[in-house]
N, C-alpha and C. Protein backbone atom coordinates (compact mmCIF):
# COMPACT_ATOMS: atom_id res chain seq x y z
N ASN A 1 -13.70 -22.96 -5.04
CA ASN A 1 -14.29 -21.89 -5.15
C ASN A 1 -14.60 -21.16 -3.65
N LYS A 2 -14.43 -22.00 -2.70
CA LYS A 2 -14.33 -21.41 -1.40
C LYS A 2 -12.82 -20.83 -1.06
N GLN A 3 -11.82 -21.65 -1.72
CA GLN A 3 -10.46 -20.94 -1.42
C GLN A 3 -10.32 -19.44 -1.94
N ARG A 4 -10.80 -19.49 -3.28
CA ARG A 4 -10.89 -18.13 -4.03
C ARG A 4 -11.66 -17.11 -3.32
N ASN A 5 -12.85 -17.43 -2.44
CA ASN A 5 -13.61 -16.39 -1.49
C ASN A 5 -12.57 -16.10 -0.55
N GLU A 6 -12.07 -16.82 0.09
CA GLU A 6 -11.07 -16.65 1.34
C GLU A 6 -10.11 -15.84 0.81
N GLU A 7 -9.12 -16.23 -0.44
CA GLU A 7 -8.39 -15.25 -0.88
C GLU A 7 -8.63 -14.14 -1.08
N ARG A 8 -9.93 -13.59 -1.83
CA ARG A 8 -10.35 -12.35 -1.99
C ARG A 8 -10.90 -11.69 -0.89
N ARG A 9 -11.34 -12.40 0.22
CA ARG A 9 -11.56 -11.82 1.41
C ARG A 9 -10.14 -11.33 2.02
N VAL A 10 -9.36 -11.83 2.10
CA VAL A 10 -7.90 -11.63 2.65
C VAL A 10 -7.57 -10.42 1.95
N ARG A 11 -7.59 -10.58 0.63
CA ARG A 11 -6.84 -9.43 -0.28
C ARG A 11 -7.73 -8.11 0.04
N THR A 12 -9.01 -8.05 -0.07
CA THR A 12 -9.86 -7.09 0.59
C THR A 12 -9.58 -6.51 1.82
N ARG A 13 -9.42 -7.11 2.77
CA ARG A 13 -9.20 -6.65 3.85
C ARG A 13 -7.87 -5.98 3.98
N ARG A 14 -6.72 -6.40 3.18
CA ARG A 14 -5.15 -5.79 3.11
C ARG A 14 -5.46 -4.94 2.53
N LEU A 15 -6.29 -4.57 1.64
CA LEU A 15 -6.37 -3.20 0.71
C LEU A 15 -7.00 -2.24 1.40
N ILE A 16 -7.85 -2.43 1.99
CA ILE A 16 -8.63 -1.57 3.13
C ILE A 16 -7.97 -0.97 4.32
N GLU A 17 -7.02 -2.12 5.08
CA GLU A 17 -6.01 -1.64 5.88
C GLU A 17 -5.05 -0.70 5.41
N ARG A 18 -4.38 -0.99 4.21
CA ARG A 18 -3.28 -0.48 3.63
C ARG A 18 -3.74 1.19 3.09
N GLY A 19 -5.19 1.28 2.92
CA GLY A 19 -5.77 2.44 2.39
C GLY A 19 -6.09 3.43 3.44
N ALA A 20 -6.14 2.75 4.84
CA ALA A 20 -6.25 3.46 5.87
C ALA A 20 -4.84 3.82 6.52
N VAL A 21 -4.12 3.31 6.23
CA VAL A 21 -2.90 3.70 6.63
C VAL A 21 -2.54 5.05 5.89
N LEU A 22 -2.63 4.91 4.70
CA LEU A 22 -2.45 5.71 3.59
C LEU A 22 -3.03 7.33 4.03
N GLU A 23 -4.51 7.05 4.13
CA GLU A 23 -5.16 8.01 4.67
C GLU A 23 -4.59 8.81 5.94
N GLY A 24 -4.26 7.90 6.86
CA GLY A 24 -3.99 8.49 8.25
C GLY A 24 -2.68 9.48 8.14
N ILE A 25 -1.65 8.87 7.27
CA ILE A 25 -0.45 9.48 7.13
C ILE A 25 -0.67 10.82 6.10
N PHE A 26 -1.25 10.60 5.37
CA PHE A 26 -1.46 11.56 4.38
C PHE A 26 -3.04 12.17 4.19
N PRO A 27 -3.40 13.03 5.20
CA PRO A 27 -4.88 13.52 5.23
C PRO A 27 -5.58 13.81 3.85
N LEU A 28 -4.64 14.37 2.83
CA LEU A 28 -5.30 14.60 1.78
C LEU A 28 -5.79 13.61 0.83
N ALA A 29 -5.45 12.22 1.19
CA ALA A 29 -5.45 11.39 0.51
C ALA A 29 -6.90 10.77 -0.10
N PRO A 30 -8.05 11.10 1.06
CA PRO A 30 -9.17 10.81 0.69
C PRO A 30 -10.14 11.78 -0.68
N ASP A 31 -9.50 12.71 -0.73
CA ASP A 31 -9.86 14.11 -1.81
C ASP A 31 -9.23 13.51 -3.13
N LEU A 32 -8.32 12.64 -3.45
CA LEU A 32 -7.63 12.40 -4.46
C LEU A 32 -8.20 11.06 -5.24
N SER A 33 -7.98 11.42 -6.55
CA SER A 33 -8.44 10.03 -7.50
C SER A 33 -7.36 9.08 -7.53
N GLY A 34 -8.05 7.82 -7.79
CA GLY A 34 -6.80 6.74 -7.87
C GLY A 34 -5.82 7.22 -8.65
N ALA A 35 -5.83 7.63 -9.69
CA ALA A 35 -4.82 8.29 -10.43
C ALA A 35 -3.87 8.91 -9.81
N GLU A 36 -4.21 9.95 -8.99
CA GLU A 36 -3.58 10.97 -8.23
C GLU A 36 -2.65 10.26 -7.28
N VAL A 37 -3.41 9.40 -6.50
CA VAL A 37 -2.58 8.61 -5.71
C VAL A 37 -1.75 7.86 -5.80
N LYS A 38 -1.73 7.25 -7.26
CA LYS A 38 -0.76 6.23 -7.81
C LYS A 38 0.35 7.22 -8.25
N ALA A 39 0.30 8.64 -8.65
CA ALA A 39 1.09 9.43 -9.28
C ALA A 39 1.71 10.02 -8.01
N PHE A 40 1.36 10.41 -6.90
CA PHE A 40 1.93 10.91 -5.53
C PHE A 40 2.84 9.55 -5.12
N LEU A 41 2.25 8.42 -5.06
CA LEU A 41 3.28 7.46 -4.70
C LEU A 41 4.29 7.22 -5.44
N ILE A 42 4.18 7.28 -6.72
CA ILE A 42 5.46 7.22 -7.62
C ILE A 42 6.10 8.31 -7.41
N ALA A 43 5.83 9.66 -7.20
CA ALA A 43 6.91 10.28 -6.86
C ALA A 43 7.65 10.41 -5.74
N LEU A 44 7.06 9.58 -4.70
CA LEU A 44 7.68 9.62 -3.52
C LEU A 44 8.61 8.26 -3.61
N SER A 45 8.24 7.39 -4.50
CA SER A 45 9.50 6.32 -4.67
C SER A 45 10.64 6.85 -5.40
N HIS A 46 10.39 7.78 -6.04
CA HIS A 46 11.63 8.61 -6.71
C HIS A 46 12.52 9.62 -5.86
N LEU A 47 12.08 9.83 -4.67
CA LEU A 47 12.89 10.64 -3.72
C LEU A 47 14.15 9.90 -3.11
N PRO A 48 15.33 10.53 -2.82
CA PRO A 48 16.32 10.05 -2.42
C PRO A 48 16.43 8.99 -1.16
N GLY A 49 16.73 7.96 -1.41
CA GLY A 49 16.75 7.16 -0.45
C GLY A 49 15.59 6.05 -0.29
N ALA A 50 14.63 6.34 -1.11
CA ALA A 50 13.52 5.68 -1.34
C ALA A 50 13.88 4.13 -1.67
N VAL A 51 14.38 3.95 -2.75
CA VAL A 51 14.93 2.43 -3.17
C VAL A 51 15.70 1.69 -1.75
N GLU A 52 16.60 2.34 -1.25
CA GLU A 52 17.29 1.68 0.02
C GLU A 52 16.26 1.49 1.19
N LEU A 53 15.08 2.40 1.10
CA LEU A 53 14.09 2.10 2.21
C LEU A 53 13.39 1.07 1.70
N THR A 54 12.89 0.69 0.65
CA THR A 54 12.13 -0.55 0.12
C THR A 54 12.81 -1.57 0.25
N ALA A 55 14.20 -1.56 -0.09
CA ALA A 55 15.26 -2.78 0.17
C ALA A 55 15.09 -3.45 1.34
N ASN A 56 15.01 -2.62 2.47
CA ASN A 56 14.85 -3.03 3.80
C ASN A 56 13.81 -3.66 4.39
N LEU A 57 12.77 -3.40 3.67
CA LEU A 57 11.41 -3.89 4.17
C LEU A 57 11.57 -5.51 4.19
N PRO A 58 10.71 -5.77 5.18
CA PRO A 58 10.92 -7.61 4.99
C PRO A 58 9.87 -7.89 3.86
N LYS A 59 10.16 -9.30 3.47
CA LYS A 59 9.50 -9.47 2.10
C LYS A 59 7.91 -10.28 2.74
N SER A 60 7.28 -10.35 1.95
CA SER A 60 5.93 -10.91 2.22
C SER A 60 6.12 -12.33 2.70
N GLY A 61 5.66 -12.40 3.97
CA GLY A 61 5.57 -13.70 4.56
C GLY A 61 6.67 -13.99 5.54
N ASP A 62 7.58 -13.05 5.39
CA ASP A 62 8.67 -13.09 6.59
C ASP A 62 8.27 -12.87 7.85
N THR A 63 8.75 -13.05 8.93
CA THR A 63 8.63 -12.90 10.23
C THR A 63 9.53 -11.92 10.41
N PRO A 64 9.10 -10.99 11.58
CA PRO A 64 9.73 -9.92 11.86
C PRO A 64 10.97 -10.43 12.93
């Protein structure tokens, strides 16, 4: 139970940080619904070069 709470805390912090990054880059984000943000990100993922860009990102747990 203690481990589950810690994992939940870490996940919550990660989601908050990533949401803040998204809102900082795309100022319209706070006005969008969750479904609209998802559709926007999916549209971005279909842009030319997006697949290659994500393929070059470090994997979770990798050190830079």
